[in-house]
């Protein structure tokens, strides 16, 4: 049996500091190492001895059970690899991808070979100062958050004693660009002008309050007679749970059939993939469409042609849903439930006790559809969008028939 090595803390008074000498048996051959405390921080010998004893407890444990502790040779690259293997698979796909991109693009080239125990807050501060001119404050904050989270995990594993990323000062936030809120006529013009499948996607975002990733993850089995079930999202081709627990929800179809007609157009254009688990918005191989292609090939050119703000994107139209709801008298809770937001007002009465009726949400969605697709001249009949009159053409008022063959459903 291997004899345990035990060293007692013997503090030496060196005038301006207390110093401790000890042997590190994790190295071959063993290495003589030191640990010191400034007297400005630890003036008394008794306190210095207490700190030395605490420090040597860890040293003795590491010397006798080295497999339970990380050595001083562990690097930032090692933490990155361990996080990828052990903890990042538990994160949402979008978060994991963001972490990996931040590490491979910024952190590994700068700190990959650095020993984590030798990293200093000043060194990290100097690096993040160099990022500020070229990156937005938000990007710098995300990179720092990635680094801090990984080092926190390394601290939990015993690879370092303290997190040197804590205490780094980040650049001040710049003025946020104003939210794009289009007039009702421009919302309608955009929906009419954009090509399919982006046209139907916009309708689901504006009126069904769905996030782009939720729209692109929509399956035929999620389309019911009076509502859409939202329980999945897709991010850069990878499927995942919805963003939050509140995001798993059901959104109502409007009474005029505009939302339903958007889905029907997808059904008519997609003759190959019509099984319950097939995607509503599928490419030629049945995979989810790329939101970036739809944005830059369909929406952006139309926005430019119509003279809309250059910053308009899919998220802008989801913001418009909440604004339209409030404008036309829907209660805050109605918009909250439609959009899948968790309670954020801080009021227990509102967030816990105040609920919505389903027909109230249907009425609210129907009102904003009317507002967007109605002109001052009420006799005008829309030509490029499903008309509000004669809605029976959209299937409303008829007995519901599923988009897929009943026998195909398991």
Protein backbone atom coordinates (compact mmCIF):
# COMPACT_ATOMS: atom_id res chain seq x y z
CA UNK A 1 0.00 0.00 0.00
CA UNK A 2 1.26 3.43 -0.91
CA UNK A 3 2.08 5.49 2.19
CA UNK A 4 0.18 8.78 2.40
CA UNK A 5 2.21 11.96 2.30
CA UNK A 6 1.25 14.57 4.87
CA UNK A 7 2.78 18.04 5.13
CA UNK A 8 2.00 20.55 7.84
CA UNK A 9 1.82 24.25 7.14
CA UNK A 10 4.94 25.98 8.48
CA UNK A 11 4.49 29.73 7.99
CA UNK A 12 7.56 31.93 7.61
CA UNK A 13 7.59 35.65 8.40
CA UNK A 14 9.37 37.45 5.56
CA UNK A 15 8.67 40.97 6.74
CA UNK A 16 6.04 42.16 4.26
CA UNK A 17 4.37 38.76 3.79
CA UNK A 18 3.81 35.28 5.16
CA UNK A 19 5.26 32.51 3.05
CA UNK A 20 4.63 28.76 2.96
CA UNK A 21 6.92 26.18 1.32
CA UNK A 22 5.62 22.75 0.35
CA UNK A 23 6.27 19.78 -1.93
CA UNK A 24 4.14 19.02 -5.00
CA UNK A 25 4.22 15.24 -5.59
CA UNK A 26 2.06 15.42 -8.71
CA UNK A 27 5.18 16.21 -10.69
CA UNK A 28 8.03 13.83 -11.49
CA UNK A 29 10.39 14.52 -9.87
CA UNK A 30 8.60 16.32 -7.03
CA UNK A 31 8.59 20.11 -7.20
CA UNK A 32 9.23 22.65 -4.44
CA UNK A 33 6.44 25.24 -4.46
CA UNK A 34 5.42 28.26 -2.40
CA UNK A 35 2.31 30.11 -1.37
CA UNK A 36 2.31 33.60 0.18
CA UNK A 37 -0.09 36.10 1.75
CA UNK A 38 0.63 39.84 2.02
CA UNK A 39 0.63 41.24 5.57
CA UNK A 40 -1.50 44.12 4.38
CA UNK A 41 -4.20 41.52 3.83
CA UNK A 42 -3.33 39.07 6.65
CA UNK A 43 -1.57 41.03 9.43
CA UNK A 44 -1.70 38.44 12.22
CA UNK A 45 0.26 35.18 12.49
CA UNK A 46 -2.74 33.24 13.80
CA UNK A 47 -4.84 34.19 10.76
CA UNK A 48 -1.93 33.39 8.44
CA UNK A 49 -1.54 29.95 10.08
CA UNK A 50 -5.26 29.28 9.64
CA UNK A 51 -5.08 30.10 5.93
CA UNK A 52 -1.93 27.97 5.58
CA UNK A 53 -3.62 24.99 7.23
CA UNK A 54 -6.62 25.30 4.93
CA UNK A 55 -4.36 25.52 1.90
CA UNK A 56 -2.30 22.47 2.93
CA UNK A 57 -5.43 20.36 3.41
CA UNK A 58 -6.07 20.69 -0.30
CA UNK A 59 -2.40 20.09 -1.16
CA UNK A 60 -2.30 16.91 0.92
CA UNK A 61 -5.50 15.61 -0.62
CA UNK A 62 -4.21 16.30 -4.11
CA UNK A 63 -0.84 14.68 -3.40
CA UNK A 64 -2.47 11.51 -2.10
CA UNK A 65 -5.42 11.34 -4.50
CA UNK A 66 -4.21 13.07 -7.68
CA UNK A 67 -6.90 11.46 -9.83
CA UNK A 68 -9.51 13.58 -8.04
CA UNK A 69 -7.80 16.89 -8.76
CA UNK A 70 -6.64 18.77 -11.78
CA UNK A 71 -2.99 19.67 -12.09
CA UNK A 72 -1.53 23.11 -12.71
CA UNK A 73 -0.96 22.04 -16.30
CA UNK A 74 -4.69 22.13 -17.17
CA UNK A 75 -5.39 24.64 -19.91
CA UNK A 76 -8.35 26.62 -21.25
CA UNK A 77 -8.40 24.15 -24.15
CA UNK A 78 -8.88 21.33 -21.62
CA UNK A 79 -11.85 23.10 -20.00
CA UNK A 80 -13.36 23.65 -23.45
CA UNK A 81 -13.03 19.97 -24.35
CA UNK A 82 -14.48 18.82 -21.02
CA UNK A 83 -17.43 21.21 -21.30
CA UNK A 84 -18.19 20.01 -24.82
CA UNK A 85 -18.14 16.41 -23.59
CA UNK A 86 -19.91 16.65 -20.24
CA UNK A 87 -22.09 19.74 -19.81
CA UNK A 88 -22.83 21.44 -23.12
CA UNK A 89 -24.89 18.49 -24.45
CA UNK A 90 -27.38 19.40 -21.70
CA UNK A 91 -27.85 22.91 -23.13
CA UNK A 92 -30.22 23.99 -25.85
CA UNK A 93 -28.79 23.65 -29.34
CA UNK A 94 -28.70 27.40 -29.94
CA UNK A 95 -26.78 28.02 -26.69
CA UNK A 96 -24.34 25.20 -27.37
CA UNK A 97 -23.63 26.45 -30.87
CA UNK A 98 -23.09 29.98 -29.57
CA UNK A 99 -20.64 28.72 -26.94
CA UNK A 100 -18.68 26.68 -29.45
CA UNK A 101 -18.51 29.55 -31.93
CA UNK A 102 -17.29 31.97 -29.26
CA UNK A 103 -14.59 29.56 -28.13
CA UNK A 104 -13.31 28.50 -31.55
CA UNK A 105 -13.39 32.03 -33.02
CA UNK A 106 -12.18 34.16 -30.10
CA UNK A 107 -11.20 32.35 -26.90
CA UNK A 108 -9.18 29.34 -28.05
CA UNK A 109 -6.87 31.35 -30.37
CA UNK A 110 -6.12 33.76 -27.50
CA UNK A 111 -6.22 31.59 -24.36
CA UNK A 112 -6.27 27.95 -25.54
CA UNK A 113 -2.74 27.07 -24.38
CA UNK A 114 -2.92 29.17 -21.19
CA UNK A 115 -2.79 27.38 -17.84
CA UNK A 116 -6.10 28.13 -16.14
CA UNK A 117 -4.47 28.63 -12.73
CA UNK A 118 -2.21 31.28 -14.19
CA UNK A 119 -4.96 33.29 -15.87
CA UNK A 120 -5.46 36.71 -14.33
CA UNK A 121 -8.39 39.10 -14.43
CA UNK A 122 -6.09 41.80 -15.77
CA UNK A 123 -4.99 39.60 -18.67
CA UNK A 124 -8.60 38.82 -19.59
CA UNK A 125 -9.55 42.50 -19.24
CA UNK A 126 -6.81 43.51 -21.68
CA UNK A 127 -8.07 41.03 -24.26
CA UNK A 128 -11.71 42.11 -24.03
CA UNK A 129 -10.63 45.73 -24.36
CA UNK A 130 -9.21 44.84 -27.79
CA UNK A 131 -12.57 43.39 -28.90
CA UNK A 132 -14.60 46.52 -28.27
CA UNK A 133 -13.75 48.54 -31.42
CA UNK A 134 -14.63 45.72 -33.81
CA UNK A 135 -17.56 44.05 -32.05
CA UNK A 136 -20.79 45.37 -30.60
CA UNK A 137 -21.12 45.55 -26.80
CA UNK A 138 -23.71 42.77 -26.99
CA UNK A 139 -21.27 40.46 -28.82
CA UNK A 140 -18.49 41.21 -26.34
CA UNK A 141 -20.87 40.47 -23.48
CA UNK A 142 -21.87 37.12 -25.03
CA UNK A 143 -18.22 36.09 -25.50
CA UNK A 144 -17.42 37.06 -21.92
CA UNK A 145 -20.49 35.18 -20.66
CA UNK A 146 -19.31 32.07 -22.49
CA UNK A 147 -15.83 32.31 -20.97
CA UNK A 148 -17.12 33.01 -17.48
CA UNK A 149 -19.55 30.06 -17.63
CA UNK A 150 -16.81 27.65 -18.77
CA UNK A 151 -14.38 28.84 -16.10
CA UNK A 152 -17.11 28.51 -13.48
CA UNK A 153 -17.53 24.91 -14.55
CA UNK A 154 -13.78 24.39 -14.33
CA UNK A 155 -13.88 25.82 -10.81
CA UNK A 156 -16.63 23.36 -9.88
CA UNK A 157 -14.43 20.54 -11.17
CA UNK A 158 -11.45 21.75 -9.10
CA UNK A 159 -9.39 22.87 -12.09
CA UNK A 160 -8.97 26.38 -10.62
CA UNK A 161 -9.63 28.08 -7.30
CA UNK A 162 -11.33 31.25 -8.48
CA UNK A 163 -12.82 32.49 -11.72
CA UNK A 164 -10.58 35.21 -13.22
CA UNK A 165 -13.35 36.26 -15.65
CA UNK A 166 -15.35 37.64 -12.73
CA UNK A 167 -14.56 41.31 -12.32
CA UNK A 168 -13.87 42.05 -15.98
CA UNK A 169 -15.47 45.35 -17.01
CA UNK A 170 -17.35 45.25 -20.30
CA UNK A 171 -18.09 48.12 -22.72
CA UNK A 172 -21.21 50.15 -22.14
CA UNK A 173 -24.24 49.28 -24.20
CA UNK A 174 -24.81 51.44 -27.22
CA UNK A 175 -28.15 52.99 -27.97
CA UNK A 176 -30.51 50.25 -29.07
CA UNK A 177 -31.97 50.61 -32.53
CA UNK A 178 -35.66 51.46 -32.32
CA UNK A 179 -38.04 48.57 -32.82
CA UNK A 180 -39.51 48.42 -36.31
CA UNK A 181 -43.27 48.93 -36.07
CA UNK A 182 -44.85 49.16 -39.51
CA UNK A 183 -48.14 50.90 -40.23
CA UNK A 184 -51.02 48.53 -40.88
CA UNK A 185 -50.96 49.26 -44.60
CA UNK A 186 -47.26 48.37 -44.80
CA UNK A 187 -47.81 45.08 -42.96
CA UNK A 188 -50.46 44.19 -45.51
CA UNK A 189 -48.35 45.36 -48.47
CA UNK A 190 -45.41 43.28 -47.29
CA UNK A 191 -47.51 40.14 -46.86
CA UNK A 192 -49.06 40.62 -50.30
CA UNK A 193 -45.74 41.28 -52.03
CA UNK A 194 -43.50 38.60 -50.54
CA UNK A 195 -43.18 35.19 -52.19
CA UNK A 196 -44.21 31.84 -50.79
CA UNK A 197 -43.34 30.19 -48.48
CA UNK A 198 -42.24 33.42 -46.76
CA UNK A 199 -45.72 34.89 -47.25
CA UNK A 200 -47.38 32.12 -45.23
CA UNK A 201 -44.55 32.25 -42.71
CA UNK A 202 -45.16 35.97 -42.12
CA UNK A 203 -48.87 35.35 -41.60
CA UNK A 204 -48.10 32.77 -38.91
CA UNK A 205 -45.65 35.14 -37.24
CA UNK A 206 -47.87 38.23 -37.30
CA UNK A 207 -51.23 36.62 -36.52
CA UNK A 208 -50.37 33.32 -34.84
CA UNK A 209 -47.57 34.98 -32.84
CA UNK A 210 -45.07 32.21 -33.63
CA UNK A 211 -41.31 32.57 -33.58
CA UNK A 212 -39.52 31.85 -36.90
CA UNK A 213 -37.97 28.66 -35.51
CA UNK A 214 -41.39 27.52 -34.31
CA UNK A 215 -42.94 28.11 -37.74
CA UNK A 216 -40.22 26.15 -39.51
CA UNK A 217 -40.59 23.25 -37.04
CA UNK A 218 -44.37 23.07 -37.50
CA UNK A 219 -45.68 19.62 -38.48
CA UNK A 220 -48.99 18.63 -40.05
CA UNK A 221 -50.09 16.88 -36.86
CA UNK A 222 -49.82 20.24 -35.06
CA UNK A 223 -52.60 21.77 -37.19
CA UNK A 224 -55.95 21.24 -35.49
CA UNK A 225 -59.42 22.42 -36.44
CA UNK A 226 -59.30 25.61 -34.39
CA UNK A 227 -55.71 25.99 -33.21
CA UNK A 228 -52.04 25.30 -33.80
CA UNK A 229 -49.98 23.35 -31.28
CA UNK A 230 -46.52 24.85 -30.68
CA UNK A 231 -44.16 22.43 -28.93
CA UNK A 232 -40.95 22.42 -30.98
CA UNK A 233 -38.52 24.75 -32.72
CA UNK A 234 -35.64 24.38 -35.16
CA UNK A 235 -32.38 26.31 -35.08
CA UNK A 236 -29.91 26.03 -37.98
CA UNK A 237 -31.30 22.65 -38.97
CA UNK A 238 -31.39 21.14 -35.47
CA UNK A 239 -34.66 20.51 -33.66
CA UNK A 240 -35.06 21.43 -30.02
CA UNK A 241 -37.65 22.20 -27.36
CA UNK A 242 -39.35 25.57 -27.46
CA UNK A 243 -37.43 28.50 -26.01
CA UNK A 244 -39.15 28.48 -22.60
CA UNK A 245 -41.68 26.36 -20.73
CA UNK A 246 -44.31 29.00 -21.45
CA UNK A 247 -43.45 28.71 -25.14
CA UNK A 248 -45.14 25.31 -25.29
CA UNK A 249 -48.63 26.49 -26.08
CA UNK A 250 -51.65 26.47 -28.41
CA UNK A 251 -52.40 29.49 -30.60
CA UNK A 252 -55.88 30.13 -32.03
CA UNK A 253 -56.86 30.35 -35.69
CA UNK A 254 -58.70 33.51 -36.64
CA UNK A 255 -62.38 33.34 -37.63
CA UNK A 256 -61.68 34.74 -41.10
CA UNK A 257 -59.53 31.82 -42.17
CA UNK A 258 -56.37 33.80 -43.02
CA UNK A 259 -54.07 31.67 -40.82
CA UNK A 260 -55.71 28.46 -41.98
CA UNK A 261 -55.41 29.52 -45.63
CA UNK A 262 -51.66 30.05 -45.17
CA UNK A 263 -51.32 26.46 -43.98
CA UNK A 264 -53.56 25.21 -46.81
CA UNK A 265 -51.30 26.86 -49.36
CA UNK A 266 -48.36 24.95 -47.92
CA UNK A 267 -50.39 21.74 -48.15
CA UNK A 268 -51.22 22.43 -51.80
CA UNK A 269 -47.61 23.17 -52.71
CA UNK A 270 -46.14 20.18 -50.86
CA UNK A 271 -47.47 16.99 -52.40
CA UNK A 272 -44.53 14.80 -51.34
CA UNK A 273 -44.40 15.30 -47.58
CA UNK A 274 -47.89 15.06 -46.10
CA UNK A 275 -47.56 12.56 -43.28
CA UNK A 276 -48.46 13.75 -39.77
CA UNK A 277 -44.81 14.08 -38.73
CA UNK A 278 -43.73 15.80 -41.95
CA UNK A 279 -42.88 19.48 -41.84
CA UNK A 280 -45.35 22.09 -43.08
CA UNK A 281 -42.46 24.25 -44.31
CA UNK A 282 -40.19 21.63 -45.89
CA UNK A 283 -37.59 21.83 -48.63
CA UNK A 284 -37.36 19.33 -51.49
CA UNK A 285 -35.77 16.71 -49.25
CA UNK A 286 -38.24 17.15 -46.41
CA UNK A 287 -35.80 19.07 -44.22
CA UNK A 288 -36.62 22.40 -42.58
CA UNK A 289 -36.23 25.54 -44.66
CA UNK A 290 -33.37 27.93 -43.87
CA UNK A 291 -34.68 31.10 -42.23
CA UNK A 292 -31.63 33.08 -43.36
CA UNK A 293 -32.34 32.28 -47.02
CA UNK A 294 -35.99 33.25 -46.63
CA UNK A 295 -34.99 36.50 -44.94
CA UNK A 296 -32.37 37.62 -47.46
CA UNK A 297 -33.92 36.22 -50.64
CA UNK A 298 -37.58 37.05 -50.01
CA UNK A 299 -38.26 39.49 -47.17
CA UNK A 300 -35.30 41.88 -47.45
CA UNK A 301 -35.71 42.56 -51.20
CA UNK A 302 -39.43 43.26 -50.74
CA UNK A 303 -38.74 45.54 -47.77
CA UNK A 304 -36.19 47.45 -49.85
CA UNK A 305 -38.59 47.76 -52.78
CA UNK A 306 -41.38 49.04 -50.53
CA UNK A 307 -39.07 51.52 -48.81
CA UNK A 308 -39.34 49.87 -45.40
CA UNK A 309 -36.60 50.22 -42.74
CA UNK A 310 -33.50 48.18 -43.56
CA UNK A 311 -33.57 46.59 -40.10
CA UNK A 312 -36.92 44.86 -40.64
CA UNK A 313 -36.75 41.10 -40.08
CA UNK A 314 -38.93 38.21 -38.94
CA UNK A 315 -38.66 39.25 -35.30
CA UNK A 316 -40.05 42.66 -36.24
CA UNK A 317 -43.30 41.04 -37.33
CA UNK A 318 -43.58 39.01 -34.13
CA UNK A 319 -43.22 42.27 -32.19
CA UNK A 320 -46.07 43.68 -34.27
CA UNK A 321 -48.38 40.92 -32.97
CA UNK A 322 -48.07 42.17 -29.41
CA UNK A 323 -48.45 45.78 -30.51
CA UNK A 324 -51.55 45.00 -32.57
CA UNK A 325 -53.10 43.08 -29.69
CA UNK A 326 -52.77 46.01 -27.32
CA UNK A 327 -53.85 48.52 -29.95
CA UNK A 328 -57.15 46.77 -30.54
CA UNK A 329 -58.05 46.23 -26.93
CA UNK A 330 -56.84 42.73 -26.09
CA UNK A 331 -55.84 42.21 -22.50
CA UNK A 332 -52.13 41.88 -21.73
CA UNK A 333 -52.65 38.29 -20.68
CA UNK A 334 -54.13 37.44 -24.10
CA UNK A 335 -51.01 38.64 -25.92
CA UNK A 336 -48.81 36.94 -23.31
CA UNK A 337 -50.52 33.56 -23.75
CA UNK A 338 -50.52 33.81 -27.54
CA UNK A 339 -46.82 34.65 -27.68
CA UNK A 340 -45.76 32.06 -25.11
CA UNK A 341 -44.16 34.54 -22.73
CA UNK A 342 -43.59 33.74 -19.09
CA UNK A 343 -45.03 36.24 -16.62
CA UNK A 344 -42.67 39.22 -16.49
CA UNK A 345 -44.71 42.09 -15.08
CA UNK A 346 -43.77 41.40 -11.47
CA UNK A 347 -47.42 41.33 -10.39
CA UNK A 348 -48.57 38.07 -8.76
CA UNK A 349 -52.18 39.01 -9.52
CA UNK A 350 -51.44 39.31 -13.21
CA UNK A 351 -48.96 36.48 -13.61
CA UNK A 352 -50.58 33.86 -11.39
CA UNK A 353 -54.29 34.59 -11.00
CA UNK A 354 -55.25 36.43 -14.19
CA UNK A 355 -56.06 33.95 -16.98
CA UNK A 356 -57.62 34.17 -20.43
CA UNK A 357 -60.59 32.53 -22.07
CA UNK A 358 -59.97 30.72 -25.34
CA UNK A 359 -62.72 32.59 -27.22
CA UNK A 360 -61.20 35.84 -25.99
CA UNK A 361 -57.93 34.94 -27.68
CA UNK A 362 -59.76 33.92 -30.87
CA UNK A 363 -61.56 37.27 -30.94
CA UNK A 364 -58.30 39.15 -30.39
CA UNK A 365 -56.52 37.36 -33.24
CA UNK A 366 -59.53 37.91 -35.51
CA UNK A 367 -59.58 41.64 -34.74
CA UNK A 368 -55.98 42.20 -35.77
CA UNK A 369 -56.54 40.17 -38.97
CA UNK A 370 -59.45 42.48 -39.77
CA UNK A 371 -57.37 45.54 -39.01
CA UNK A 372 -54.52 44.55 -41.34
CA UNK A 373 -56.64 43.24 -44.21
CA UNK A 374 -59.31 45.96 -44.19
CA UNK A 375 -59.09 49.28 -45.99
CA UNK A 376 -61.03 52.45 -45.06
CA UNK A 377 -63.35 51.56 -47.92
CA UNK A 378 -65.09 48.54 -46.43
CA UNK A 379 -66.51 47.53 -49.83
CA UNK A 380 -63.06 46.77 -51.22
CA UNK A 381 -62.38 43.09 -51.77
CA UNK A 382 -58.82 41.94 -51.36
CA UNK A 383 -57.39 40.16 -54.35
CA UNK A 384 -53.98 38.87 -53.28
CA UNK A 385 -54.94 37.72 -49.81
CA UNK A 386 -57.74 35.45 -48.59
CA UNK A 387 -60.82 37.76 -48.48
CA UNK A 388 -62.60 38.48 -45.25
CA UNK A 389 -65.95 38.04 -46.99
CA UNK A 390 -66.94 34.60 -48.18
CA UNK A 391 -64.64 32.95 -45.69
CA UNK A 392 -66.30 29.61 -46.33
CA UNK A 393 -63.85 29.31 -49.23
CA UNK A 394 -61.12 28.90 -46.60
CA UNK A 395 -62.88 25.99 -44.93
CA UNK A 396 -64.34 27.94 -42.00
CA UNK A 397 -67.89 26.84 -41.23
CA UNK A 398 -67.38 23.47 -42.87
CA UNK A 399 -66.73 20.22 -41.12
CA UNK A 400 -63.01 19.98 -40.49
CA UNK A 401 -61.02 17.60 -42.64
CA UNK A 402 -57.41 16.85 -41.72
CA UNK A 403 -54.67 17.77 -44.16
CA UNK A 404 -53.39 14.20 -44.14
CA UNK A 405 -55.09 10.89 -44.79
CA UNK A 406 -56.68 9.59 -41.55
CA UNK A 407 -55.32 6.10 -42.15
CA UNK A 408 -51.78 7.48 -42.07
CA UNK A 409 -52.12 8.60 -38.47
CA UNK A 410 -50.75 6.10 -35.97
